[in-house]
Protein backbone atom coordinates (compact mmCIF):
# COMPACT_ATOMS: atom_id res chain seq x y z
CA MET A 1 38.93 103.85 11.76
CA ASN A 2 42.65 103.81 11.06
CA THR A 3 43.85 104.19 7.47
CA TYR A 4 46.23 101.63 5.93
CA PHE A 5 45.94 102.34 2.18
CA TYR A 6 46.20 105.79 0.63
CA PRO A 7 45.20 107.51 -2.63
CA CYS A 8 47.92 108.57 -5.04
CA ASP A 9 48.72 111.29 -7.58
CA PHE A 10 49.27 109.13 -10.67
CA LEU A 11 51.20 109.87 -13.84
CA LEU A 12 49.92 108.10 -16.96
CA PRO A 13 51.17 108.35 -20.53
CA LYS A 14 49.12 110.62 -22.77
CA SER A 15 49.19 108.20 -25.69
CA ASP A 16 50.03 104.66 -26.90
CA PHE A 17 49.68 102.68 -23.69
CA ARG A 18 50.51 99.51 -25.58
CA LYS A 19 54.08 100.62 -26.28
CA TRP A 20 54.39 102.30 -22.91
CA SER A 21 53.49 99.29 -20.75
CA VAL A 22 56.04 96.48 -20.28
CA VAL A 23 56.21 93.48 -17.98
CA ALA A 24 57.98 93.48 -14.60
CA CYS A 25 61.76 93.75 -14.89
CA ASP A 26 62.40 90.42 -13.12
CA GLN A 27 60.64 88.33 -15.78
CA TYR A 28 62.17 86.42 -18.72
CA THR A 29 65.64 86.70 -17.18
CA SER A 30 66.98 83.78 -19.24
CA GLU A 31 65.15 84.79 -22.42
CA PRO A 32 66.90 87.82 -23.97
CA ASP A 33 64.90 87.31 -27.17
CA TYR A 34 61.76 88.34 -25.29
CA TRP A 35 63.28 91.69 -24.39
CA LYS A 36 64.72 92.16 -27.89
CA ASN A 37 61.23 91.73 -29.28
CA VAL A 38 59.97 94.33 -26.80
CA GLU A 39 62.68 96.77 -27.93
CA GLU A 40 61.73 96.26 -31.56
CA PHE A 41 58.03 96.76 -30.85
CA VAL A 42 58.59 99.93 -28.78
CA GLY A 43 60.99 101.56 -31.23
CA ASN A 44 61.42 105.25 -30.41
CA ALA A 45 58.07 105.68 -28.66
CA PRO A 46 57.92 106.74 -25.01
CA SER A 47 57.97 103.54 -22.98
CA ALA A 48 58.48 102.25 -19.47
CA LEU A 49 61.11 100.01 -21.09
CA ASN A 50 63.42 103.03 -21.20
CA ILE A 51 63.06 103.87 -17.50
CA ILE A 52 63.44 100.41 -15.95
CA LEU A 53 66.37 97.98 -15.96
CA PRO A 54 65.31 94.49 -17.05
CA GLU A 55 67.27 92.02 -14.98
CA VAL A 56 68.32 90.13 -18.09
CA TYR A 57 70.72 93.08 -18.63
CA LEU A 58 72.07 93.36 -15.08
CA GLN A 59 75.87 93.51 -14.90
CA LYS A 60 78.45 94.15 -12.21
CA ASP A 61 78.60 97.78 -13.31
CA ASN A 62 75.21 99.18 -14.34
CA SER A 63 76.16 102.84 -13.93
CA GLU A 64 76.01 103.81 -17.62
CA ARG A 65 72.61 102.22 -18.14
CA ILE A 66 71.24 103.75 -14.91
CA ALA A 67 72.42 107.21 -15.97
CA LYS A 68 70.49 106.81 -19.23
CA ILE A 69 67.39 105.71 -17.30
CA ASN A 70 67.54 108.78 -15.05
CA ALA A 71 68.07 111.07 -18.02
CA LYS A 72 65.13 109.51 -19.87
CA MET A 73 62.85 110.00 -16.84
CA ASN A 74 63.70 113.70 -16.77
CA GLU A 75 63.20 113.93 -20.52
CA TYR A 76 59.72 112.40 -20.25
CA ILE A 77 58.78 114.84 -17.50
CA GLU A 78 60.11 117.88 -19.41
CA ASN A 79 58.39 116.79 -22.64
CA ASN A 80 55.00 116.39 -20.93
CA VAL A 81 54.70 112.72 -21.78
CA PHE A 82 52.37 112.27 -18.79
CA GLU A 83 48.95 113.42 -17.71
CA LYS A 84 48.12 113.56 -14.01
CA VAL A 85 45.30 111.73 -12.28
CA ASP A 86 45.16 113.24 -8.83
CA ASP A 87 44.41 111.88 -5.37
CA THR A 88 42.61 108.61 -6.10
CA PHE A 89 42.83 104.84 -6.40
CA ILE A 90 42.89 103.08 -9.77
CA TYR A 91 40.63 100.04 -9.98
CA VAL A 92 42.15 97.49 -12.38
CA GLU A 93 40.61 94.65 -14.36
CA ARG A 94 43.34 92.53 -15.95
CA GLU A 95 42.73 89.65 -18.34
CA VAL A 96 45.17 86.83 -17.61
CA SER A 97 45.80 83.35 -19.06
CA GLY A 98 42.64 81.46 -19.82
CA GLY A 99 40.62 84.65 -20.21
CA LYS A 100 40.02 85.12 -16.48
CA ILE A 101 39.82 88.65 -15.07
CA ARG A 102 42.01 89.58 -12.09
CA LYS A 103 40.74 92.57 -10.10
CA GLY A 104 42.93 94.93 -8.11
CA ILE A 105 43.28 98.44 -6.72
CA VAL A 106 46.39 100.60 -7.10
CA GLY A 107 47.29 103.02 -4.32
CA LEU A 108 49.93 103.72 -1.68
CA ILE A 109 51.13 102.01 1.48
CA LYS A 110 53.31 103.52 4.17
CA LEU A 111 56.70 101.84 4.25
CA SER A 112 56.75 102.19 8.03
CA ASP A 113 54.06 99.46 7.94
CA TYR A 114 56.38 97.06 6.04
CA SER A 115 59.24 94.83 7.06
CA TYR A 116 61.08 92.07 5.21
CA GLU A 117 62.56 90.65 8.42
CA LYS A 118 61.58 87.02 8.99
CA GLY A 119 58.99 86.81 11.74
CA ALA A 120 58.07 90.51 11.60
CA LYS A 121 54.58 91.29 12.92
CA THR A 122 54.02 94.33 10.72
CA LEU A 123 50.92 95.20 8.71
CA VAL A 124 52.79 94.41 5.45
CA ARG A 125 54.97 91.29 5.46
CA ALA A 126 57.34 89.63 3.03
CA THR A 127 56.20 86.17 1.99
CA GLU A 128 59.65 84.97 0.98
CA ALA A 129 63.19 85.34 2.23
CA THR A 130 64.76 88.59 1.05
CA VAL A 131 68.08 88.28 -0.77
CA LEU A 132 70.03 91.19 0.66
CA GLU A 133 72.58 91.27 -2.17
CA ARG A 134 69.75 92.02 -4.61
CA ILE A 135 68.98 95.32 -2.88
CA PRO A 136 72.11 97.44 -3.65
CA PRO A 137 71.73 97.31 -7.47
CA ARG A 138 68.12 98.41 -7.07
CA VAL A 139 69.15 101.21 -4.72
CA GLU A 140 71.54 102.47 -7.40
CA ILE A 141 68.63 102.62 -9.86
CA ARG A 142 66.17 104.25 -7.47
CA LYS A 143 68.19 106.72 -5.42
CA ASP A 144 68.42 109.43 -8.13
CA ALA A 145 65.31 108.45 -10.08
CA ALA A 146 62.72 111.17 -10.66
CA LEU A 147 59.92 108.62 -11.05
CA GLU A 148 58.66 105.52 -9.28
CA LEU A 149 57.23 102.72 -11.43
CA PRO A 150 56.10 99.77 -9.35
CA HIS A 151 55.35 96.17 -10.16
CA VAL A 152 54.52 95.39 -6.53
CA MET A 153 51.42 93.31 -5.84
CA LEU A 154 50.11 92.81 -2.31
CA LEU A 155 47.60 90.13 -1.31
CA ILE A 156 44.75 90.51 1.15
CA ASP A 157 42.90 87.62 2.81
CA ASP A 158 39.33 88.79 2.19
CA LYS A 159 37.09 85.71 2.21
CA ASP A 160 33.94 87.86 2.18
CA ASN A 161 34.99 89.86 -0.90
CA SER A 162 34.40 93.11 0.94
CA VAL A 163 37.21 95.32 -0.39
CA ILE A 164 37.86 94.97 -4.13
CA GLU A 165 34.97 93.00 -5.60
CA PRO A 166 32.24 95.63 -4.91
CA LEU A 167 33.98 98.05 -7.31
CA SER A 168 33.18 95.95 -10.39
CA SER A 169 29.51 96.99 -10.23
CA LYS A 170 30.41 100.68 -9.98
CA ILE A 171 32.68 101.17 -12.99
CA ASP A 172 30.07 103.19 -14.88
CA ASN A 173 30.54 105.85 -12.19
CA PHE A 174 34.33 105.89 -12.50
CA ASN A 175 36.60 107.70 -14.96
CA LYS A 176 38.22 105.16 -17.29
CA VAL A 177 41.93 106.05 -17.56
CA TYR A 178 43.18 103.20 -19.75
CA ASP A 179 41.84 100.28 -21.79
CA PHE A 180 44.23 98.41 -24.09
CA ASP A 181 45.85 95.13 -25.15
CA LEU A 182 49.16 94.40 -23.43
CA MET A 183 52.10 93.57 -25.67
CA GLN A 184 53.49 90.07 -26.27
CA ASN A 185 50.06 88.38 -26.07
CA SER A 186 49.72 89.21 -22.37
CA GLY A 187 45.99 89.89 -22.28
CA HIS A 188 43.90 93.04 -21.91
CA ILE A 189 43.75 95.59 -19.11
CA LYS A 190 41.38 98.35 -18.00
CA GLY A 191 41.92 100.98 -15.33
CA PHE A 192 39.40 103.30 -13.65
CA ALA A 193 40.03 106.28 -11.36
CA VAL A 194 37.53 105.83 -8.52
CA ASP A 195 35.44 108.54 -6.85
CA LYS A 196 35.99 109.95 -3.35
CA VAL A 197 33.17 107.94 -1.80
CA THR A 198 34.69 104.71 -3.09
CA VAL A 199 38.13 105.68 -1.76
CA SER A 200 36.62 105.93 1.72
CA GLN A 201 34.71 102.67 1.31
CA VAL A 202 37.86 100.80 0.34
CA GLN A 203 39.79 102.27 3.26
CA ASN A 204 37.03 101.37 5.72
CA ALA A 205 36.76 97.80 4.41
CA LEU A 206 40.53 97.33 4.78
CA SER A 207 40.40 98.74 8.30
CA SER A 208 37.71 96.20 9.18
CA LEU A 209 39.94 93.38 7.94
CA VAL A 210 42.73 94.56 10.25
CA GLU A 211 40.45 94.95 13.23
CA ASN A 212 39.11 91.43 12.71
CA SER A 213 42.56 89.81 12.45
CA GLU A 214 44.35 88.43 15.48
CA ASP A 215 47.81 89.79 14.75
CA LYS A 216 47.10 92.85 12.55
CA PHE A 217 48.41 91.18 9.38
CA LEU A 218 46.78 92.84 6.34
CA PHE A 219 49.07 92.64 3.31
CA ALA A 220 51.26 89.75 2.14
CA VAL A 221 53.76 90.63 -0.59
CA GLY A 222 52.86 88.57 -3.63
CA ASP A 223 55.27 90.18 -6.11
CA GLY A 224 57.94 92.86 -5.85
CA ASN A 225 59.31 92.31 -2.33
CA HIS A 226 62.80 93.48 -3.31
CA SER A 227 61.32 96.65 -4.79
CA LEU A 228 59.64 97.41 -1.47
CA ALA A 229 62.86 96.63 0.41
CA THR A 230 64.70 99.01 -1.91
CA ALA A 231 62.17 101.79 -1.39
CA LYS A 232 62.52 101.38 2.37
CA GLU A 233 66.32 101.43 2.10
CA CYS A 234 66.03 104.71 0.15
CA LYS A 235 64.00 106.21 3.03
CA SER A 236 60.86 106.63 0.95
CA GLU A 237 57.73 107.27 3.00
CA TYR A 238 55.27 105.60 0.63
CA ALA A 239 55.31 102.97 -2.10
CA MET A 240 52.82 102.44 -4.90
CA VAL A 241 51.30 98.94 -5.00
CA GLU A 242 48.38 97.01 -6.41
CA ILE A 243 46.29 95.05 -3.90
CA VAL A 244 44.56 91.81 -4.96
CA ASN A 245 42.38 89.43 -2.99
CA ILE A 246 44.05 86.03 -2.60
CA HIS A 247 40.56 84.54 -3.04
CA ASP A 248 40.17 86.11 -6.50
CA TYR A 249 39.13 83.19 -8.72
CA SER A 250 41.62 84.19 -11.40
CA LEU A 251 44.61 84.07 -9.07
CA GLU A 252 46.56 80.85 -9.42
CA PHE A 253 49.78 80.00 -7.64
CA GLU A 254 52.43 78.38 -9.80
CA PRO A 255 55.72 76.88 -8.60
CA ILE A 256 58.92 78.69 -9.51
CA TYR A 257 61.30 76.06 -10.80
CA ARG A 258 65.09 75.95 -10.68
CA VAL A 259 67.52 75.61 -13.59
CA LEU A 260 71.28 75.32 -13.02
CA PHE A 261 73.87 76.10 -15.68
CA GLY A 262 77.48 74.87 -15.75
CA VAL A 263 76.91 71.61 -13.88
CA ASP A 264 77.37 67.88 -14.33
CA PRO A 265 73.68 66.92 -13.96
CA GLU A 266 74.19 63.31 -12.93
CA GLN A 267 76.87 64.15 -10.38
CA LEU A 268 74.76 66.93 -8.88
CA LEU A 269 71.74 64.64 -8.57
CA ASN A 270 73.84 61.93 -6.96
CA ASP A 271 75.14 64.46 -4.42
CA PHE A 272 71.63 65.81 -3.74
CA VAL A 273 70.17 62.35 -3.10
CA ALA A 274 73.15 61.24 -1.01
CA GLN A 275 72.96 64.34 1.20
CA HIS A 276 69.34 63.46 1.95
CA GLY A 277 70.07 59.85 2.97
CA GLY A 278 69.48 58.23 -0.41
CA GLU A 279 66.28 57.56 -2.30
CA TYR A 280 63.28 57.70 0.02
CA ASN A 281 59.76 56.48 -0.64
CA GLY A 282 57.93 57.18 2.62
CA LYS A 283 54.50 58.81 2.66
CA ASP A 284 56.12 62.21 3.17
CA ALA A 285 58.62 61.79 0.32
CA GLN A 286 59.20 64.87 -1.84
CA LYS A 287 59.52 64.19 -5.57
CA PHE A 288 61.51 66.11 -8.18
CA THR A 289 61.47 65.67 -11.94
CA CYS A 290 65.05 66.35 -13.05
CA VAL A 291 65.45 67.49 -16.66
CA TYR A 292 68.72 67.40 -18.62
CA GLY A 293 69.14 66.75 -22.33
CA GLU A 294 66.61 64.08 -23.22
CA ASN A 295 66.58 62.71 -19.67
CA GLU A 296 63.93 63.37 -17.02
CA PRO A 297 64.36 60.97 -14.08
CA VAL A 298 62.17 61.40 -11.00
CA ILE A 299 63.93 61.32 -7.63
CA SER A 300 62.37 61.10 -4.15
CA VAL A 301 64.03 62.35 -0.98
CA LYS A 302 63.19 62.69 2.68
CA PRO A 303 61.96 66.23 3.47
CA THR A 304 64.12 68.75 5.26
CA GLY A 305 61.50 71.49 4.81
CA LYS A 306 57.71 71.66 4.80
CA LEU A 307 57.67 72.35 1.05
CA ALA A 308 59.65 70.58 -1.66
CA VAL A 309 61.10 73.92 -2.74
CA ALA A 310 62.44 74.48 0.79
CA THR A 311 64.23 71.12 0.80
CA LEU A 312 65.77 71.85 -2.60
CA GLN A 313 66.67 75.51 -2.04
CA THR A 314 68.32 74.89 1.34
CA TRP A 315 70.58 72.30 -0.27
CA LEU A 316 71.28 74.44 -3.34
CA ASP A 317 72.28 77.42 -1.19
CA ASN A 318 75.05 75.34 0.39
CA TYR A 319 75.99 73.66 -2.88
CA LEU A 320 76.45 76.96 -4.72
CA LYS A 321 78.56 78.70 -2.07
CA ASP A 322 81.94 77.70 -3.54
CA LYS A 323 80.94 77.20 -7.17
CA GLU A 324 81.16 80.54 -8.95
CA GLN A 325 81.02 78.80 -12.34
CA VAL A 326 77.53 77.50 -11.63
CA LYS A 327 74.61 79.83 -12.31
CA ILE A 328 71.02 79.40 -11.15
CA ASP A 329 67.84 80.88 -12.56
CA TYR A 330 64.28 80.82 -11.28
CA ILE A 331 61.86 79.84 -14.01
CA HIS A 332 58.11 80.24 -14.52
CA GLY A 333 56.61 77.41 -16.58
CA GLU A 334 57.59 73.80 -17.19
CA ASP A 335 57.97 74.40 -20.92
CA VAL A 336 60.76 76.92 -20.30
CA VAL A 337 62.55 74.47 -17.96
CA TYR A 338 62.46 71.77 -20.63
CA SER A 339 63.68 74.17 -23.31
CA LEU A 340 66.59 75.55 -21.28
CA SER A 341 67.62 72.13 -19.98
CA LYS A 342 68.35 70.86 -23.49
CA GLN A 343 71.56 72.91 -23.34
CA PRO A 344 74.76 71.08 -22.35
CA ASP A 345 75.73 71.11 -18.65
CA THR A 346 72.26 72.30 -17.63
CA LEU A 347 69.84 70.77 -15.12
CA GLY A 348 66.24 71.71 -14.35
CA PHE A 349 64.15 70.80 -11.30
CA ILE A 350 60.35 70.52 -11.52
CA PHE A 351 58.30 69.92 -8.37
CA GLU A 352 54.86 70.37 -6.80
CA GLY A 353 54.03 73.88 -5.57
CA MET A 354 52.10 75.23 -2.61
CA GLN A 355 48.39 76.02 -2.61
CA LYS A 356 47.39 79.67 -2.29
CA SER A 357 45.13 78.79 0.65
CA GLU A 358 48.27 77.90 2.62
CA LEU A 359 50.00 81.28 2.28
CA PHE A 360 48.68 83.50 5.08
CA ASP A 361 48.79 80.71 7.67
CA ALA A 362 52.33 79.79 6.59
CA ILE A 363 53.51 83.38 7.01
CA LYS A 364 51.87 83.65 10.42
CA GLN A 365 53.46 80.36 11.49
CA ASP A 366 56.92 80.43 9.88
CA GLY A 367 57.57 84.12 9.20
CA SER A 368 58.46 83.69 5.52
CA LEU A 369 58.99 81.06 2.86
CA PRO A 370 62.16 80.23 0.91
CA ARG A 371 62.82 82.81 -1.79
CA LYS A 372 61.14 82.26 -5.13
CA THR A 373 58.67 79.77 -3.67
CA PHE A 374 55.67 80.63 -5.81
CA SER A 375 54.52 82.74 -8.69
CA MET A 376 51.08 84.18 -9.18
CA GLY A 377 50.36 82.84 -12.65
CA ASN A 378 52.60 82.66 -15.69
CA ALA A 379 55.26 85.21 -16.60
CA CYS A 380 52.91 86.86 -19.12
CA ASP A 381 50.37 87.37 -16.30
CA LYS A 382 52.75 89.41 -14.14
CA ARG A 383 52.04 93.01 -13.37
CA PHE A 384 52.97 95.40 -16.17
CA TYR A 385 54.36 98.86 -15.56
CA ILE A 386 51.64 101.41 -16.34
CA GLU A 387 51.20 103.93 -13.53
CA ALA A 388 54.06 106.14 -12.39
CA ARG A 389 54.42 108.82 -9.74
CA PHE A 390 57.05 111.33 -8.72
CA ASN A 391 59.66 109.61 -6.57
CA LYS A 392 59.47 111.14 -3.11
């Protein structure tokens, strides 16, 4: 059988995983207090916080911060912060919101199997439109980095639970490599280095999924598409990822909402409705709860896309083209939308999201979805940086 997922030489911190492990850099981008709390908790301890660039801090010129990140990576290597776990997969059990356990396996994919081009028929496919202007800042971070720390999560469509789920009954045979509470009330996580026999079993089960699929589509990018695109741009051969079964009972798809800053909310809503032919109440109407100040009117428009988010995002892309003063953020959680939208000149959109059962068929049919269409759970459930490897 062909191989599509590969073992990795992992680097893990020798101590204090709780201060080491931080959430993906693209979370809490409108909540600087979250990241300040992380900084205070970490203090001077070795931490992934010091070798990533949280997007809340992104600027036009990130060169000084990136230089510090690269220097800190080299410092951690020289000071033997890491221990090596060689040539294996790491089986992960992650507690998420509601106490459910999400199961995954961390390993490597070949970037030659991945494309972010819409309509690509590769083994690994982007689920959402890739924003090309988001790649260069990431390239600047990665190109001279000594280490790779991923937050990439790939989904497999394994209805028979043949790949990941069998590992849960074998953990007594595996070497436990971490077991700790994640910071900021983000649940608990355990990781196990699997044995050689299990590596082969996982590879064979994945190969069977490919052989049984019509168009050789194995992995859909659930999180971290721009990180994969960056790795490919940097000519990396492999990328570290976690694979998760889309049928995992703990995995819930949440909409990613939109909040706009620096707008006249009522004028924007009038323009949005007018551009879609006025209020529309047909059976296929798409509804949006629009939050500003103490107001939350519900508007209904005629669809221009299969999903409500597609109708909205297509219009917003055109609206924002000549409005540099207007900023947009992509928000996980209705409570955050309501909180942010209490600010003056701010407008939030809340709408119904897609079901996870629709994802693989939608990618096969349409190529990709609008960017920031869905989130797998709340922000606190996102993948945390734990494992690293030498960047090569």
